[in-house]
């Protein structure tokens, strides 16, 4: 289990992957609660062991939405239980080339990396919203749940997606942030940095940062009178569809 709201988030421990958790259990402002066992988030699933496959299989997943870029997914194909439908929803890591460049030059600072991450989060909240629109549309399709969505770390692309979903369901911002920051205690990376990489650079890159998510959510919601208005205008969730999503996922 993780620090946070009591025993939330509910974590599924694996040998070959980390940061896999059920998004259920979070309370909304109007007193409802997200159902357990319907929507999960995680880091990449390429390293699952046979025992892990059995553990993941026991979740009853029907759909796994992969937010990794196409080359990321090709380099590390997911291992999934039989009967699970994989749905590519690529969000290409557009800051990757810039990041590699500053790391290889050995001139990167923590501020440089934070700035690159901020650019990525801005993209999630603007140009990449159609991907999240597709994710939520998939959740509404018949026989798609339980559903898991993930990227490489389950930190940024997945973190923003989880934050959007919880926000749409009416979960308070403070709780949304706690779920997002839980990654810092759950994700374990095997990334190897170039020799001489400053510790602050590695730490900045490998952590979830509350200001990034706060700014991205504010950017996405700006210009809209309400969450419901944003949902319809930017995510294709009119009143009927948003109500259906809430009915599916809340108790």
Protein backbone atom coordinates (compact mmCIF):
# COMPACT_ATOMS: atom_id res chain seq x y z
CA UNK A 1 0.00 0.00 0.00
CA UNK A 2 1.01 3.60 -0.34
CA UNK A 3 0.96 6.68 1.76
CA UNK A 4 -1.99 8.89 0.98
CA UNK A 5 -5.63 8.60 2.03
CA UNK A 6 -5.49 5.74 4.50
CA UNK A 7 -4.80 2.64 2.44
CA UNK A 8 -5.21 4.43 -0.88
CA UNK A 9 -4.11 4.02 -3.55
CA UNK A 10 -4.65 0.26 -3.64
CA UNK A 11 -1.41 -1.09 -5.09
CA UNK A 12 -0.94 -4.37 -6.96
CA UNK A 13 2.57 -5.63 -6.19
CA UNK A 14 4.48 -7.18 -9.09
CA UNK A 15 8.00 -8.49 -9.64
CA UNK A 16 8.59 -7.09 -13.11
CA UNK A 17 6.69 -3.80 -13.03
CA UNK A 18 5.87 -1.05 -10.57
CA UNK A 19 3.30 1.66 -10.03
CA UNK A 20 0.33 -0.57 -10.85
CA UNK A 21 -2.68 0.53 -8.85
CA UNK A 22 -6.43 0.56 -8.75
CA UNK A 23 -7.94 4.03 -9.10
CA UNK A 24 -10.90 2.96 -6.98
CA UNK A 25 -11.71 4.19 -3.49
CA UNK A 26 -11.38 7.93 -3.94
CA UNK A 27 -14.30 9.99 -2.63
CA UNK A 28 -15.99 12.71 -4.64
CA UNK A 29 -17.09 16.06 -3.34
CA UNK A 30 -20.73 14.94 -3.40
CA UNK A 31 -20.12 11.90 -1.22
CA UNK A 32 -19.81 9.14 -3.80
CA UNK A 33 -16.76 6.97 -4.30
CA UNK A 34 -14.95 5.51 -7.29
CA UNK A 35 -15.58 1.80 -7.63
CA UNK A 36 -12.69 -0.60 -7.14
CA UNK A 37 -11.70 -3.01 -9.87
CA UNK A 38 -12.73 -0.98 -12.91
CA UNK A 39 -9.87 1.37 -13.86
CA UNK A 40 -6.18 0.81 -13.21
CA UNK A 41 -3.02 2.81 -13.96
CA UNK A 42 0.56 1.59 -14.21
CA UNK A 43 4.02 1.89 -15.65
CA UNK A 44 5.05 -0.22 -18.66
CA UNK A 45 4.16 -3.91 -18.56
CA UNK A 46 7.00 -5.26 -20.70
CA UNK A 47 8.83 -6.90 -17.80
CA UNK A 48 6.01 -8.94 -16.30
CA UNK A 49 7.04 -12.36 -15.03
CA UNK A 50 4.84 -15.42 -15.39
CA UNK A 51 3.70 -14.91 -11.80
CA UNK A 52 2.94 -11.28 -12.62
CA UNK A 53 0.81 -12.37 -15.57
CA UNK A 54 -1.25 -14.50 -13.20
CA UNK A 55 -1.61 -11.56 -10.79
CA UNK A 56 -2.64 -9.16 -13.56
CA UNK A 57 -4.91 -11.79 -15.05
CA UNK A 58 -6.76 -12.02 -11.74
CA UNK A 59 -7.77 -8.37 -12.16
CA UNK A 60 -10.07 -9.45 -14.97
CA UNK A 61 -8.79 -6.80 -17.37
CA UNK A 62 -10.48 -6.56 -20.74
CA UNK A 63 -8.63 -3.54 -22.15
CA UNK A 64 -5.15 -2.05 -21.84
CA UNK A 65 -4.62 1.41 -23.35
CA UNK A 66 -0.94 2.11 -24.09
CA UNK A 67 -0.04 5.81 -24.01
CA UNK A 68 3.60 5.21 -24.96
CA UNK A 69 4.98 6.48 -28.24
CA UNK A 70 5.14 4.00 -31.09
CA UNK A 71 8.90 3.42 -30.84
CA UNK A 72 8.71 3.09 -27.07
CA UNK A 73 6.09 0.39 -27.43
CA UNK A 74 8.04 -1.40 -30.15
CA UNK A 75 11.22 -1.46 -28.06
CA UNK A 76 9.44 -2.93 -25.04
CA UNK A 77 6.29 -4.81 -26.05
CA UNK A 78 3.78 -5.35 -23.27
CA UNK A 79 3.24 -8.79 -21.77
CA UNK A 80 -0.47 -9.18 -21.19
CA UNK A 81 -2.72 -11.99 -20.00
CA UNK A 82 -4.73 -13.88 -22.60
CA UNK A 83 -8.01 -12.26 -23.53
CA UNK A 84 -6.88 -8.68 -22.98
CA UNK A 85 -7.32 -6.25 -25.88
CA UNK A 86 -4.39 -3.86 -26.31
CA UNK A 87 -5.32 -0.42 -27.64
CA UNK A 88 -2.45 1.87 -28.75
CA UNK A 89 -3.09 5.52 -27.88
CA UNK A 90 0.36 6.98 -28.52
CA UNK A 91 1.49 10.24 -26.99
CA UNK A 92 4.93 10.64 -28.49
CA UNK A 93 7.62 11.81 -26.01
CA UNK A 94 8.36 14.98 -27.96
CA UNK A 95 10.84 16.34 -25.44
CA UNK A 96 12.98 13.21 -25.65
CA UNK A 97 15.44 14.52 -28.24
CA UNK A 98 15.97 17.75 -26.34
CA UNK A 99 16.49 15.85 -23.12
CA UNK A 100 19.03 13.47 -24.67
CA UNK A 101 20.90 16.42 -26.10
CA UNK A 102 21.29 18.30 -22.83
CA UNK A 103 22.15 15.12 -20.93
CA UNK A 104 24.82 14.10 -23.44
CA UNK A 105 26.36 17.58 -23.35
CA UNK A 106 26.56 17.28 -19.58
CA UNK A 107 25.28 20.82 -19.21
CA UNK A 108 21.78 20.10 -17.96
CA UNK A 109 20.45 21.59 -14.75
CA UNK A 110 17.40 20.61 -12.76
CA UNK A 111 15.71 23.76 -14.07
CA UNK A 112 16.41 22.69 -17.67
CA UNK A 113 14.74 19.35 -17.12
CA UNK A 114 11.80 20.89 -15.27
CA UNK A 115 11.29 23.28 -18.18
CA UNK A 116 11.22 20.39 -20.66
CA UNK A 117 8.74 18.51 -18.51
CA UNK A 118 6.58 21.63 -18.30
CA UNK A 119 6.47 21.74 -22.10
CA UNK A 120 5.29 18.14 -22.15
CA UNK A 121 2.55 18.82 -19.60
CA UNK A 122 1.38 21.82 -21.58
CA UNK A 123 1.03 19.52 -24.58
CA UNK A 124 -1.02 17.02 -22.57
CA UNK A 125 -3.41 19.82 -21.63
CA UNK A 126 -3.76 21.16 -25.17
CA UNK A 127 -2.59 19.32 -28.30
CA UNK A 128 -2.80 15.85 -26.73
CA UNK A 129 -6.31 16.17 -25.28
CA UNK A 130 -7.74 14.13 -28.20
CA UNK A 131 -5.83 11.10 -26.89
CA UNK A 132 -7.47 11.45 -23.48
CA UNK A 133 -10.80 11.98 -25.24
CA UNK A 134 -10.28 8.59 -26.90
CA UNK A 135 -9.33 7.03 -23.55
CA UNK A 136 -12.55 8.16 -21.88
CA UNK A 137 -14.61 7.18 -24.94
CA UNK A 138 -13.14 3.69 -24.67
CA UNK A 139 -14.16 3.50 -21.02
CA UNK A 140 -17.74 4.18 -22.12
CA UNK A 141 -17.81 1.41 -24.71
CA UNK A 142 -19.55 -1.81 -23.83
CA UNK A 143 -17.38 -4.63 -22.45
CA UNK A 144 -14.24 -2.48 -22.12
CA UNK A 145 -13.99 -2.51 -18.34
CA UNK A 146 -11.97 -3.35 -16.34
CA UNK A 147 -9.47 -1.16 -18.16
CA UNK A 148 -5.84 -0.26 -17.48
CA UNK A 149 -3.95 2.64 -19.02
CA UNK A 150 -0.21 3.19 -18.83
CA UNK A 151 2.85 4.85 -20.32
CA UNK A 152 6.51 4.08 -19.57
CA UNK A 153 6.74 5.22 -15.96
CA UNK A 154 3.05 5.68 -15.22
CA UNK A 155 4.10 9.14 -14.09
CA UNK A 156 3.47 11.94 -16.59
CA UNK A 157 1.18 10.91 -19.47
CA UNK A 158 -0.60 8.43 -17.22
CA UNK A 159 -0.54 10.83 -14.28
CA UNK A 160 -2.27 13.55 -16.27
CA UNK A 161 -4.84 11.07 -17.58
CA UNK A 162 -5.64 9.81 -14.08
CA UNK A 163 -5.91 13.39 -12.82
CA UNK A 164 -8.32 14.28 -15.61
CA UNK A 165 -10.48 11.24 -14.92
CA UNK A 166 -10.66 11.85 -11.18
CA UNK A 167 -11.45 15.52 -11.83
CA UNK A 168 -14.28 14.60 -14.21
CA UNK A 169 -15.71 12.30 -11.56
CA UNK A 170 -15.75 15.09 -8.99
CA UNK A 171 -12.79 14.06 -6.83
CA UNK A 172 -11.35 17.12 -5.02
CA UNK A 173 -8.10 18.56 -6.33
CA UNK A 174 -6.18 17.75 -3.13
CA UNK A 175 -7.02 14.06 -3.53
CA UNK A 176 -6.15 14.17 -7.23
CA UNK A 177 -2.73 15.53 -6.31
CA UNK A 178 -2.18 12.84 -3.68
CA UNK A 179 -2.85 10.12 -6.23
CA UNK A 180 -0.48 11.80 -8.70
CA UNK A 181 2.35 12.18 -6.17
CA UNK A 182 2.02 8.57 -4.99
CA UNK A 183 4.20 7.69 -8.00
CA UNK A 184 7.18 9.07 -6.09
CA UNK A 185 6.89 6.23 -3.60
CA UNK A 186 5.83 3.51 -6.01
CA UNK A 187 7.73 3.75 -9.29
CA UNK A 188 11.14 2.12 -9.56
CA UNK A 189 13.19 3.03 -12.62
CA UNK A 190 16.10 1.16 -14.16
CA UNK A 191 17.11 4.12 -16.28
CA UNK A 192 20.87 4.62 -16.60
CA UNK A 193 22.01 8.22 -17.00
CA UNK A 194 25.14 9.32 -18.86
CA UNK A 195 28.28 9.57 -16.71
CA UNK A 196 28.51 12.91 -14.97
CA UNK A 197 24.77 13.57 -14.88
CA UNK A 198 24.09 15.85 -11.94
CA UNK A 199 22.00 14.24 -9.18
CA UNK A 200 19.51 17.10 -9.30
CA UNK A 201 18.96 16.43 -13.01
CA UNK A 202 18.23 12.75 -12.44
CA UNK A 203 15.99 13.48 -9.48
CA UNK A 204 14.01 16.12 -11.35
CA UNK A 205 13.43 13.80 -14.29
CA UNK A 206 12.43 10.81 -12.22
CA UNK A 207 9.90 12.44 -9.92
CA UNK A 208 6.30 13.61 -10.21
CA UNK A 209 6.04 17.35 -9.56
CA UNK A 210 2.85 18.85 -8.20
CA UNK A 211 3.33 22.27 -9.88
CA UNK A 212 3.47 20.62 -13.31
CA UNK A 213 0.15 18.88 -12.85
CA UNK A 214 -1.48 21.91 -11.23
CA UNK A 215 -0.44 24.12 -14.15
CA UNK A 216 -1.56 21.56 -16.74
CA UNK A 217 -4.99 21.13 -15.18
CA UNK A 218 -5.44 24.89 -14.97
CA UNK A 219 -4.37 25.22 -18.61
CA UNK A 220 -6.85 22.55 -19.71
CA UNK A 221 -9.72 24.06 -17.74
CA UNK A 222 -9.01 27.69 -18.63
CA UNK A 223 -11.74 29.34 -20.65
CA UNK A 224 -14.42 26.94 -19.41
CA UNK A 225 -17.13 27.82 -16.93
CA UNK A 226 -17.13 24.43 -15.23
CA UNK A 227 -15.74 20.90 -15.31
CA UNK A 228 -18.84 19.80 -17.21
CA UNK A 229 -18.33 22.56 -19.79
CA UNK A 230 -14.70 21.50 -20.27
CA UNK A 231 -15.73 17.84 -20.56
CA UNK A 232 -18.13 18.58 -23.39
CA UNK A 233 -16.02 21.10 -25.27
CA UNK A 234 -12.64 19.37 -25.03
CA UNK A 235 -13.35 15.69 -24.37
CA UNK A 236 -16.57 14.98 -26.22
CA UNK A 237 -18.38 14.19 -22.99
CA UNK A 238 -21.72 15.96 -23.18
CA UNK A 239 -24.08 15.85 -20.21
CA UNK A 240 -25.42 12.42 -21.16
CA UNK A 241 -22.02 10.83 -21.72
CA UNK A 242 -20.46 12.40 -18.65
CA UNK A 243 -23.37 11.18 -16.55
CA UNK A 244 -22.90 7.69 -18.02
CA UNK A 245 -19.19 7.73 -17.17
CA UNK A 246 -19.94 8.75 -13.59
CA UNK A 247 -22.63 6.10 -13.28
CA UNK A 248 -20.23 3.43 -14.51
CA UNK A 249 -17.34 4.38 -12.25
CA UNK A 250 -18.94 5.75 -9.08
CA UNK A 251 -20.93 4.12 -6.33
